[in-house]
Amino acid sequence: MRQPILIMGIVNITPDSFSDGGQFFAVDEAVGRALQLQEEGADIIDLGAESTRPGHTPVSMDEEWQRLEPVLRAVCGRLRVRISVDTYKPEIARRALAMGVDMVNDVSGAQCSESMLELVAKAHCDYVWMHNRPVEPTGDGLSELFAETRMGVERCLRAGIAQNRLWIDPGIGFAKTHDQNLQALRALPEFAKLGPQVLLGISRKRVVGGVLGLPVDSRLEGSLAGVAYAVAAGVRAVRVHDVQASVRVARMMEAMVAEDAVVS
């Protein structure tokens, strides 16, 4: 029987994230947002304290932790759902896991530090390996995308991460052209066959704006189309800003594509 797709709600504790930078930068606002997304139906809350939008300015480990630590202190043990930390820095991941975080969401695919894989393997936590690369590939990019994803999965397994703890994210919006992002989305059913669970992040992203010709604050419907397609493609979780709407779309889509659905 098909499992309901998991909804990961985004909380950006940053002043410069592409969609909602600054809205939840203060500790009270970030905690309130996490609790709100839980009530709206999120299965996982993803806390990030450094923007990774195109052209972002990296922050130091100390600054990232200063943003993240008070929010973690407030929500760990208070939230009923799983908590993920969005970081590519092993030391931030180590500290967050020690406070009770369940999952590490790494947009670098462990390219910034090999020690990330060793850390999460020893912690026996869930780990999201996201496809990323220094530059955009040539052509449609699919061959590189799948080859690099397979190599990433192999690296994770060799490091000792259990396959049932490993997630892969095709990295929509990261080192890909508009057409390559669309190609990657069309290939979601193939990603779902690679073994690890698939996490899709498309919410409010530039590819949605490119298709619809809309700014960030007008991309809800396009983002929800991505949620619906993720359900049909066998994706295990979607990372979204708009949790309540995504939950409703996902549950309706699941009812329509259920194996035992009756067509009259």
Protein backbone atom coordinates (compact mmCIF):
# COMPACT_ATOMS: atom_id res chain seq x y z
CA MET A 1 0.00 0.00 0.00
CA ARG A 2 1.28 3.47 -0.92
CA GLN A 3 2.60 5.46 2.04
CA PRO A 4 1.42 9.07 2.35
CA ILE A 5 4.07 11.46 1.11
CA LEU A 6 5.85 13.27 3.94
CA ILE A 7 5.67 17.05 4.13
CA MET A 8 8.84 18.83 5.27
CA GLY A 9 8.14 22.41 6.35
CA ILE A 10 10.83 25.05 5.85
CA VAL A 11 11.91 27.47 8.57
CA ASN A 12 14.62 29.85 7.35
CA ILE A 13 16.42 31.51 10.27
CA THR A 14 18.14 33.85 7.84
CA PRO A 15 17.95 37.47 6.68
CA ASP A 16 18.57 36.62 3.02
CA SER A 17 16.80 33.42 1.91
CA PHE A 18 15.30 33.78 -1.58
CA SER A 19 11.65 33.40 -0.53
CA ASP A 20 11.16 34.47 3.07
CA GLY A 21 14.50 35.83 4.22
CA GLY A 22 14.10 37.90 7.37
CA GLN A 23 10.51 36.88 8.14
CA PHE A 24 11.56 34.31 10.76
CA PHE A 25 15.05 35.56 11.60
CA ALA A 26 14.24 36.39 15.22
CA VAL A 27 14.13 33.44 17.61
CA ASP A 28 10.50 33.91 18.67
CA GLU A 29 9.34 34.17 15.06
CA ALA A 30 11.29 31.07 14.02
CA VAL A 31 9.91 29.04 16.94
CA GLY A 32 6.40 30.27 16.23
CA ARG A 33 6.75 29.36 12.57
CA ALA A 34 7.95 25.85 13.43
CA LEU A 35 4.96 25.32 15.74
CA GLN A 36 2.59 26.74 13.11
CA LEU A 37 3.89 24.39 10.41
CA GLN A 38 3.51 21.45 12.79
CA GLU A 39 -0.14 22.38 13.34
CA GLU A 40 -0.64 22.72 9.58
CA GLY A 41 0.41 19.10 9.16
CA ALA A 42 4.17 19.04 8.62
CA ASP A 43 5.81 15.68 9.29
CA ILE A 44 9.31 17.16 9.47
CA ILE A 45 10.49 20.68 10.31
CA ASP A 46 13.67 21.72 8.45
CA LEU A 47 15.62 24.47 10.21
CA GLY A 48 18.25 26.34 8.23
CA ALA A 49 20.44 29.21 9.44
CA GLU A 50 22.39 29.92 6.25
CA SER A 51 20.85 30.84 2.92
CA THR A 52 21.91 28.61 0.01
CA ARG A 53 20.09 30.56 -2.71
CA PRO A 54 22.07 31.27 -5.91
CA GLY A 55 24.68 33.93 -5.20
CA HIS A 56 24.34 33.63 -1.43
CA THR A 57 27.03 34.91 0.91
CA PRO A 58 28.39 32.07 3.08
CA VAL A 59 28.39 32.62 6.83
CA SER A 60 30.88 31.37 9.38
CA MET A 61 30.21 28.35 11.53
CA ASP A 62 29.97 30.56 14.61
CA GLU A 63 27.38 32.85 13.04
CA GLU A 64 25.32 29.93 11.75
CA TRP A 65 25.30 28.33 15.19
CA GLN A 66 24.42 31.61 16.92
CA ARG A 67 21.31 31.77 14.74
CA LEU A 68 20.40 28.10 15.05
CA GLU A 69 21.19 27.14 18.65
CA PRO A 70 18.54 29.22 20.48
CA VAL A 71 15.83 27.99 18.10
CA LEU A 72 16.89 24.37 18.59
CA ARG A 73 16.95 24.87 22.34
CA ALA A 74 13.35 26.10 22.16
CA VAL A 75 11.90 23.46 19.82
CA CYS A 76 13.75 20.23 20.64
CA GLY A 77 11.51 18.28 22.97
CA ARG A 78 8.62 20.65 22.25
CA LEU A 79 7.82 19.70 18.68
CA ARG A 80 6.01 16.39 18.21
CA VAL A 81 7.41 15.92 14.70
CA ARG A 82 10.89 15.17 13.44
CA ILE A 83 13.45 17.97 13.19
CA SER A 84 15.93 18.34 10.36
CA VAL A 85 18.85 20.74 10.21
CA ASP A 86 19.76 22.24 6.83
CA THR A 87 23.55 22.53 6.90
CA TYR A 88 26.64 21.39 5.03
CA LYS A 89 28.98 21.97 7.97
CA PRO A 90 29.80 18.81 9.98
CA GLU A 91 30.34 20.69 13.25
CA ILE A 92 26.91 22.35 13.01
CA ALA A 93 25.39 18.94 12.27
CA ARG A 94 27.20 17.37 15.23
CA ARG A 95 25.98 20.02 17.67
CA ALA A 96 22.42 19.88 16.32
CA LEU A 97 22.28 16.09 16.55
CA ALA A 98 23.50 16.29 20.15
CA MET A 99 20.52 18.55 20.92
CA GLY A 100 18.02 16.05 19.52
CA VAL A 101 17.78 16.71 15.78
CA ASP A 102 16.78 13.63 13.76
CA MET A 103 17.99 14.44 10.25
CA VAL A 104 20.74 16.31 8.37
CA ASN A 105 19.85 17.97 5.08
CA ASP A 106 23.10 18.62 3.20
CA VAL A 107 22.82 20.75 0.04
CA SER A 108 26.48 20.16 -0.75
CA GLY A 109 26.16 16.38 -1.10
CA ALA A 110 29.13 16.11 1.31
CA GLN A 111 31.37 17.87 -1.18
CA CYS A 112 32.42 20.45 1.40
CA SER A 113 33.63 17.87 3.91
CA GLU A 114 33.98 14.10 3.70
CA SER A 115 33.72 14.00 7.50
CA MET A 116 29.99 14.76 7.19
CA LEU A 117 29.37 11.22 5.97
CA GLU A 118 31.37 9.68 8.81
CA LEU A 119 29.51 11.85 11.33
CA VAL A 120 25.99 10.94 10.19
CA ALA A 121 26.91 7.27 9.82
CA LYS A 122 28.05 7.13 13.45
CA ALA A 123 25.00 9.08 14.60
CA HIS A 124 22.62 6.65 12.83
CA CYS A 125 20.49 9.62 11.77
CA ASP A 126 18.72 10.26 8.49
CA TYR A 127 20.85 12.04 5.89
CA VAL A 128 19.74 13.89 2.77
CA TRP A 129 22.37 13.81 0.02
CA MET A 130 21.51 16.53 -2.49
CA HIS A 131 22.88 16.68 -6.02
CA ASN A 132 25.04 19.74 -6.51
CA ARG A 133 28.10 20.57 -8.58
CA PRO A 134 30.40 23.55 -9.19
CA VAL A 135 28.99 24.39 -12.65
CA GLU A 136 25.99 23.53 -14.81
CA PRO A 137 26.43 20.41 -16.99
CA THR A 138 26.19 20.54 -20.75
CA GLY A 139 23.20 19.32 -22.77
CA ASP A 140 20.15 18.11 -20.88
CA GLY A 141 22.38 17.16 -17.93
CA LEU A 142 20.48 13.97 -17.12
CA SER A 143 23.35 11.57 -17.71
CA GLU A 144 25.61 13.58 -15.39
CA LEU A 145 22.83 13.96 -12.86
CA PHE A 146 22.18 10.23 -12.60
CA ALA A 147 25.86 9.26 -12.72
CA GLU A 148 26.77 11.74 -10.00
CA THR A 149 23.78 10.73 -7.89
CA ARG A 150 24.73 7.05 -8.11
CA MET A 151 28.30 7.91 -7.10
CA GLY A 152 26.95 9.98 -4.19
CA VAL A 153 24.80 7.08 -3.01
CA GLU A 154 27.80 4.74 -3.21
CA ARG A 155 29.93 7.15 -1.17
CA CYS A 156 27.24 7.35 1.50
CA LEU A 157 26.84 3.59 1.73
CA ARG A 158 30.62 3.04 1.83
CA ALA A 159 30.82 5.51 4.71
CA GLY A 160 28.41 3.31 6.67
CA ILE A 161 25.11 5.17 6.24
CA ALA A 162 22.29 2.63 6.22
CA GLN A 163 20.21 2.72 3.04
CA ASN A 164 17.00 3.12 5.06
CA ARG A 165 18.54 6.27 6.57
CA LEU A 166 19.66 7.70 3.24
CA TRP A 167 17.69 10.18 1.15
CA ILE A 168 18.51 11.68 -2.25
CA ASP A 169 17.42 15.08 -3.51
CA PRO A 170 17.87 15.87 -7.24
CA GLY A 171 18.81 19.43 -6.32
CA ILE A 172 16.30 21.45 -8.33
CA GLY A 173 17.69 24.96 -8.77
CA PHE A 174 21.30 24.04 -7.96
CA ALA A 175 23.83 24.19 -10.84
CA LYS A 176 21.17 23.45 -13.44
CA THR A 177 19.67 25.50 -16.25
CA HIS A 178 15.94 26.04 -16.51
CA ASP A 179 15.61 23.19 -19.02
CA GLN A 180 17.81 20.90 -16.94
CA ASN A 181 15.61 21.51 -13.89
CA LEU A 182 12.57 20.50 -15.93
CA GLN A 183 14.39 17.41 -17.23
CA ALA A 184 15.26 16.44 -13.66
CA LEU A 185 11.63 16.86 -12.59
CA ARG A 186 10.43 14.69 -15.47
CA ALA A 187 12.91 12.02 -14.34
CA LEU A 188 11.57 11.81 -10.78
CA PRO A 189 10.10 8.32 -11.32
CA GLU A 190 13.61 7.13 -12.24
CA PHE A 191 15.10 8.70 -9.12
CA ALA A 192 12.53 6.81 -7.07
CA LYS A 193 13.95 3.56 -8.47
CA LEU A 194 17.54 4.21 -7.32
CA GLY A 195 16.98 2.77 -3.84
CA PRO A 196 17.14 5.57 -1.27
CA GLN A 197 14.07 7.62 -0.45
CA VAL A 198 13.64 10.75 -2.56
CA LEU A 199 13.13 14.26 -1.19
CA LEU A 200 12.00 16.94 -3.65
CA GLY A 201 12.48 20.65 -3.07
CA ILE A 202 10.69 22.76 -5.68
CA SER A 203 8.72 25.17 -3.50
CA ARG A 204 8.69 28.72 -4.93
CA LYS A 205 11.89 28.06 -6.89
CA ARG A 206 13.13 29.87 -9.96
CA VAL A 207 12.05 27.07 -12.30
CA VAL A 208 8.45 27.67 -11.21
CA GLY A 209 8.83 31.37 -11.83
CA GLY A 210 10.45 30.67 -15.20
CA VAL A 211 7.56 28.51 -16.40
CA LEU A 212 4.82 30.81 -15.11
CA GLY A 213 6.54 34.16 -15.43
CA LEU A 214 5.81 34.97 -11.79
CA PRO A 215 7.76 36.45 -8.86
CA VAL A 216 8.54 34.46 -5.73
CA ASP A 217 5.44 35.54 -3.81
CA SER A 218 3.10 34.35 -6.60
CA ARG A 219 4.37 30.80 -7.12
CA LEU A 220 2.00 28.85 -4.87
CA GLU A 221 0.05 27.08 -7.61
CA GLY A 222 3.18 26.08 -9.50
CA SER A 223 4.74 24.76 -6.31
CA LEU A 224 1.63 22.72 -5.56
CA ALA A 225 1.76 21.24 -9.07
CA GLY A 226 5.21 19.98 -8.08
CA VAL A 227 3.76 18.40 -4.92
CA ALA A 228 1.06 16.63 -6.96
CA TYR A 229 3.60 15.34 -9.48
CA ALA A 230 5.88 14.17 -6.67
CA VAL A 231 3.04 12.00 -5.32
CA ALA A 232 2.46 10.46 -8.75
CA ALA A 233 6.20 9.90 -9.25
CA GLY A 234 6.71 7.96 -6.02
CA VAL A 235 8.68 10.63 -4.18
CA ARG A 236 8.79 10.03 -0.41
CA ALA A 237 8.85 13.65 0.83
CA VAL A 238 8.51 17.22 -0.40
CA ARG A 239 10.20 20.25 1.16
CA VAL A 240 7.78 23.18 1.13
CA HIS A 241 7.05 26.65 2.47
CA ASP A 242 3.25 26.30 2.20
CA VAL A 243 2.54 23.30 4.41
CA GLN A 244 -1.25 23.37 4.78
CA ALA A 245 -1.91 23.71 1.05
CA SER A 246 0.70 21.04 0.26
CA VAL A 247 -0.85 18.58 2.73
CA ARG A 248 -4.27 19.06 1.15
CA VAL A 249 -2.99 18.62 -2.40
CA ALA A 250 -0.98 15.55 -1.40
CA ARG A 251 -3.87 13.82 0.37
CA MET A 252 -6.24 14.46 -2.56
CA MET A 253 -3.67 13.28 -5.08
CA GLU A 254 -2.98 10.14 -3.06
CA ALA A 255 -6.70 9.33 -2.97
CA MET A 256 -6.87 9.61 -6.76
CA VAL A 257 -3.81 7.49 -7.52
CA ALA A 258 -4.44 4.82 -4.87
CA GLU A 259 -3.90 1.31 -6.14
CA ASP A 260 -7.42 0.33 -5.10
CA ALA A 261 -9.12 3.43 -6.54
CA VAL A 262 -12.27 2.53 -8.44
CA VAL A 263 -12.97 4.15 -11.82
CA SER A 264 -16.65 4.10 -12.81
